Amino acid sequence: MSFDDLLKELQGQKTVQEGQVSLKDLFNDRFMSKYSTCKSMEEFLEKGNFQVDTLDEMNNIHDELLDRHVARETDFADWKAMLSKANSEFAAQ
């Protein structure tokens, strides 16, 4: 499974046409380069040693671990703040 397919599966979102946004689109390379030490969402997940192959594995990442990784590698205090900013920037496009 490609990384793009995995991201779409993780969100339960197969197409943008359905009104859904994939993580790859939401956390595009421009966003990640601007707000984090990583150039892509894939690099961000790898840097955090998150072994994500399925939706269950993504959902099983402990909130505290993800929040700490976000605080360490991005300009955001936690995952919720990062997700909120990505949503607002995507909506503005």
N, C-alpha and C. Protein backbone atom coordinates (compact mmCIF):
# COMPACT_ATOMS: atom_id res chain seq x y z
N MET A 1 0.85 -1.18 0.00
CA MET A 1 0.00 0.00 0.00
C MET A 1 0.89 1.24 0.00
N SER A 2 0.60 2.17 -0.86
CA SER A 2 1.39 3.40 -0.92
C SER A 2 1.05 4.29 0.27
N PHE A 3 1.94 5.22 0.55
CA PHE A 3 1.70 6.15 1.66
C PHE A 3 0.44 6.97 1.42
N ASP A 4 0.22 7.43 0.19
CA ASP A 4 -0.98 8.21 -0.12
C ASP A 4 -2.23 7.40 0.14
N ASP A 5 -2.23 6.13 -0.28
CA ASP A 5 -3.38 5.26 -0.05
C ASP A 5 -3.61 5.05 1.44
N LEU A 6 -2.52 4.88 2.18
CA LEU A 6 -2.63 4.70 3.63
C LEU A 6 -3.25 5.91 4.27
N LEU A 7 -2.78 7.10 3.90
CA LEU A 7 -3.34 8.32 4.48
C LEU A 7 -4.84 8.44 4.18
N LYS A 8 -5.23 8.12 2.97
CA LYS A 8 -6.64 8.17 2.62
C LYS A 8 -7.44 7.15 3.42
N GLU A 9 -6.88 5.95 3.58
CA GLU A 9 -7.57 4.93 4.35
C GLU A 9 -7.70 5.33 5.81
N LEU A 10 -6.64 5.92 6.34
CA LEU A 10 -6.65 6.33 7.75
C LEU A 10 -7.78 7.32 8.03
N GLN A 11 -8.05 8.15 7.09
CA GLN A 11 -9.11 9.12 7.24
C GLN A 11 -10.46 8.55 6.81
N GLY A 12 -10.45 7.36 6.24
CA GLY A 12 -11.69 6.81 5.72
C GLY A 12 -12.17 7.62 4.53
N GLN A 13 -11.24 8.22 3.85
CA GLN A 13 -11.57 9.15 2.77
C GLN A 13 -10.83 8.72 1.52
N LYS A 14 -11.58 8.29 0.53
CA LYS A 14 -10.95 7.82 -0.69
C LYS A 14 -10.80 8.90 -1.74
N THR A 15 -11.68 9.89 -1.76
CA THR A 15 -11.58 10.91 -2.79
C THR A 15 -11.96 12.27 -2.25
N VAL A 16 -11.35 13.29 -2.80
CA VAL A 16 -11.69 14.66 -2.45
C VAL A 16 -13.07 15.00 -3.02
N GLN A 17 -13.44 14.35 -4.14
CA GLN A 17 -14.72 14.63 -4.76
C GLN A 17 -15.89 14.30 -3.83
N GLU A 18 -15.70 13.41 -2.90
CA GLU A 18 -16.76 13.05 -1.96
C GLU A 18 -16.91 14.10 -0.87
N GLY A 19 -16.15 15.20 -0.96
CA GLY A 19 -16.22 16.24 0.05
C GLY A 19 -15.31 15.96 1.23
N GLN A 20 -14.46 14.97 1.09
CA GLN A 20 -13.53 14.60 2.15
C GLN A 20 -12.13 15.04 1.75
N VAL A 21 -11.30 15.27 2.75
CA VAL A 21 -9.93 15.70 2.50
C VAL A 21 -8.99 14.67 3.11
N SER A 22 -8.00 14.26 2.35
CA SER A 22 -7.03 13.29 2.86
C SER A 22 -6.01 14.01 3.74
N LEU A 23 -5.34 13.25 4.59
CA LEU A 23 -4.27 13.81 5.41
C LEU A 23 -3.17 14.38 4.54
N LYS A 24 -2.89 13.71 3.42
CA LYS A 24 -1.84 14.17 2.50
C LYS A 24 -2.18 15.55 1.95
N ASP A 25 -3.46 15.79 1.65
CA ASP A 25 -3.87 17.11 1.16
C ASP A 25 -3.90 18.14 2.29
N LEU A 26 -4.41 17.72 3.44
CA LEU A 26 -4.52 18.63 4.58
C LEU A 26 -3.14 19.03 5.11
N PHE A 27 -2.28 18.05 5.26
CA PHE A 27 -0.91 18.29 5.74
C PHE A 27 0.04 18.14 4.56
N ASN A 28 -0.17 18.99 3.56
CA ASN A 28 0.66 18.93 2.36
C ASN A 28 2.10 19.34 2.69
N ASP A 29 2.98 19.10 1.74
CA ASP A 29 4.40 19.38 1.96
C ASP A 29 4.67 20.84 2.29
N ARG A 30 3.91 21.76 1.68
CA ARG A 30 4.08 23.18 1.96
C ARG A 30 3.75 23.48 3.42
N PHE A 31 2.64 22.93 3.89
CA PHE A 31 2.23 23.14 5.29
C PHE A 31 3.28 22.57 6.24
N MET A 32 3.72 21.35 5.96
CA MET A 32 4.67 20.70 6.86
C MET A 32 6.01 21.44 6.87
N SER A 33 6.47 21.92 5.71
CA SER A 33 7.72 22.66 5.66
C SER A 33 7.62 24.00 6.39
N LYS A 34 6.46 24.61 6.30
CA LYS A 34 6.26 25.92 6.93
C LYS A 34 6.17 25.83 8.45
N TYR A 35 5.48 24.81 8.96
CA TYR A 35 5.19 24.74 10.38
C TYR A 35 5.93 23.65 11.15
N SER A 36 6.78 22.89 10.48
CA SER A 36 7.46 21.81 11.20
C SER A 36 8.90 21.67 10.74
N THR A 37 9.62 20.79 11.40
CA THR A 37 10.99 20.49 11.01
C THR A 37 11.03 19.44 9.91
N CYS A 38 9.87 18.97 9.50
CA CYS A 38 9.76 17.91 8.49
C CYS A 38 9.25 18.48 7.17
N LYS A 39 9.62 17.81 6.10
CA LYS A 39 9.20 18.26 4.77
C LYS A 39 7.89 17.63 4.32
N SER A 40 7.44 16.57 5.01
CA SER A 40 6.21 15.89 4.63
C SER A 40 5.58 15.23 5.86
N MET A 41 4.31 14.86 5.72
CA MET A 41 3.63 14.14 6.80
C MET A 41 4.26 12.77 6.99
N GLU A 42 4.69 12.16 5.91
CA GLU A 42 5.35 10.86 6.00
C GLU A 42 6.61 10.96 6.85
N GLU A 43 7.42 11.98 6.59
CA GLU A 43 8.65 12.19 7.37
C GLU A 43 8.31 12.46 8.84
N PHE A 44 7.27 13.24 9.07
CA PHE A 44 6.83 13.55 10.43
C PHE A 44 6.48 12.27 11.20
N LEU A 45 5.70 11.39 10.56
CA LEU A 45 5.32 10.13 11.21
C LEU A 45 6.53 9.24 11.44
N GLU A 46 7.41 9.16 10.45
CA GLU A 46 8.62 8.35 10.58
C GLU A 46 9.53 8.88 11.70
N LYS A 47 9.68 10.19 11.77
CA LYS A 47 10.53 10.80 12.78
C LYS A 47 10.02 10.53 14.19
N GLY A 48 8.71 10.38 14.31
CA GLY A 48 8.11 10.07 15.60
C GLY A 48 8.09 8.59 15.91
N ASN A 49 8.68 7.79 15.00
CA ASN A 49 8.67 6.33 15.14
C ASN A 49 7.27 5.76 15.26
N PHE A 50 6.34 6.38 14.55
CA PHE A 50 4.98 5.88 14.52
C PHE A 50 4.88 4.85 13.41
N GLN A 51 4.67 3.61 13.77
CA GLN A 51 4.52 2.52 12.82
C GLN A 51 3.05 2.43 12.45
N VAL A 52 2.67 3.15 11.43
CA VAL A 52 1.27 3.26 11.05
C VAL A 52 1.04 2.55 9.72
N ASP A 53 0.33 1.42 9.78
CA ASP A 53 0.00 0.69 8.57
C ASP A 53 -1.51 0.57 8.37
N THR A 54 -2.27 0.80 9.43
CA THR A 54 -3.73 0.67 9.33
C THR A 54 -4.41 1.79 10.10
N LEU A 55 -5.70 1.93 9.87
CA LEU A 55 -6.50 2.91 10.59
C LEU A 55 -6.46 2.64 12.09
N ASP A 56 -6.55 1.37 12.47
CA ASP A 56 -6.50 1.03 13.89
C ASP A 56 -5.19 1.49 14.54
N GLU A 57 -4.09 1.32 13.83
CA GLU A 57 -2.80 1.73 14.37
C GLU A 57 -2.73 3.25 14.54
N MET A 58 -3.28 4.00 13.62
CA MET A 58 -3.30 5.46 13.75
C MET A 58 -4.15 5.86 14.94
N ASN A 59 -5.31 5.24 15.08
CA ASN A 59 -6.20 5.55 16.19
C ASN A 59 -5.62 5.12 17.53
N ASN A 60 -4.70 4.17 17.51
CA ASN A 60 -4.11 3.67 18.75
C ASN A 60 -2.90 4.45 19.22
N ILE A 61 -2.47 5.44 18.45
CA ILE A 61 -1.36 6.28 18.92
C ILE A 61 -1.86 7.05 20.13
N HIS A 62 -1.18 6.89 21.22
CA HIS A 62 -1.57 7.57 22.46
C HIS A 62 -1.52 9.08 22.25
N ASP A 63 -2.58 9.76 22.66
CA ASP A 63 -2.68 11.21 22.47
C ASP A 63 -1.47 11.95 23.03
N GLU A 64 -0.99 11.53 24.19
CA GLU A 64 0.14 12.21 24.82
C GLU A 64 1.41 12.07 23.98
N LEU A 65 1.63 10.89 23.41
CA LEU A 65 2.81 10.70 22.55
C LEU A 65 2.74 11.57 21.31
N LEU A 66 1.58 11.62 20.68
CA LEU A 66 1.41 12.44 19.49
C LEU A 66 1.55 13.92 19.82
N ASP A 67 0.95 14.35 20.93
CA ASP A 67 1.05 15.75 21.35
C ASP A 67 2.50 16.15 21.62
N ARG A 68 3.26 15.27 22.27
CA ARG A 68 4.67 15.57 22.55
C ARG A 68 5.47 15.67 21.26
N HIS A 69 5.19 14.78 20.33
CA HIS A 69 5.90 14.81 19.05
C HIS A 69 5.55 16.09 18.28
N VAL A 70 4.29 16.47 18.28
CA VAL A 70 3.86 17.71 17.63
C VAL A 70 4.56 18.90 18.27
N ALA A 71 4.58 18.95 19.60
CA ALA A 71 5.21 20.08 20.30
C ALA A 71 6.71 20.15 20.01
N ARG A 72 7.34 19.01 19.87
CA ARG A 72 8.79 18.95 19.63
C ARG A 72 9.16 19.29 18.19
N GLU A 73 8.33 18.87 17.23
CA GLU A 73 8.70 18.97 15.82
C GLU A 73 7.97 20.04 15.02
N THR A 74 7.01 20.72 15.67
CA THR A 74 6.23 21.72 14.94
C THR A 74 6.12 23.01 15.73
N ASP A 75 5.44 23.99 15.15
CA ASP A 75 5.18 25.26 15.82
C ASP A 75 3.94 25.19 16.70
N PHE A 76 3.34 24.02 16.83
CA PHE A 76 2.08 23.88 17.56
C PHE A 76 2.29 23.21 18.92
N ALA A 77 1.39 23.52 19.84
CA ALA A 77 1.48 22.96 21.19
C ALA A 77 1.02 21.51 21.24
N ASP A 78 0.08 21.15 20.36
CA ASP A 78 -0.45 19.79 20.38
C ASP A 78 -1.10 19.45 19.04
N TRP A 79 -1.51 18.19 18.90
CA TRP A 79 -2.11 17.70 17.66
C TRP A 79 -3.37 18.47 17.31
N LYS A 80 -4.19 18.77 18.29
CA LYS A 80 -5.45 19.47 18.04
C LYS A 80 -5.19 20.84 17.41
N ALA A 81 -4.19 21.57 17.89
CA ALA A 81 -3.85 22.88 17.34
C ALA A 81 -3.31 22.74 15.92
N MET A 82 -2.51 21.72 15.68
CA MET A 82 -1.96 21.50 14.34
C MET A 82 -3.09 21.16 13.36
N LEU A 83 -3.98 20.30 13.76
CA LEU A 83 -5.11 19.91 12.92
C LEU A 83 -6.01 21.10 12.64
N SER A 84 -6.26 21.93 13.64
CA SER A 84 -7.10 23.11 13.48
C SER A 84 -6.50 24.08 12.47
N LYS A 85 -5.20 24.33 12.56
CA LYS A 85 -4.53 25.25 11.63
C LYS A 85 -4.56 24.69 10.21
N ALA A 86 -4.32 23.41 10.08
CA ALA A 86 -4.35 22.79 8.76
C ALA A 86 -5.75 22.89 8.15
N ASN A 87 -6.76 22.67 8.96
CA ASN A 87 -8.15 22.80 8.48
C ASN A 87 -8.45 24.21 8.03
N SER A 88 -8.04 25.21 8.81
CA SER A 88 -8.35 26.59 8.45
C SER A 88 -7.60 27.02 7.19
N GLU A 89 -6.34 26.59 7.05
CA GLU A 89 -5.59 26.93 5.84
C GLU A 89 -6.16 26.25 4.61
N PHE A 90 -6.58 25.00 4.78
CA PHE A 90 -7.14 24.28 3.66
C PHE A 90 -8.46 24.91 3.23
N ALA A 91 -9.28 25.31 4.19
CA ALA A 91 -10.57 25.94 3.89
C ALA A 91 -10.39 27.27 3.18
N ALA A 92 -9.29 27.97 3.47
CA ALA A 92 -9.03 29.27 2.87
C ALA A 92 -8.58 29.16 1.40
N GLN A 93 -8.18 27.98 0.99
CA GLN A 93 -7.69 27.79 -0.39
C GLN A 93 -8.83 27.78 -1.37
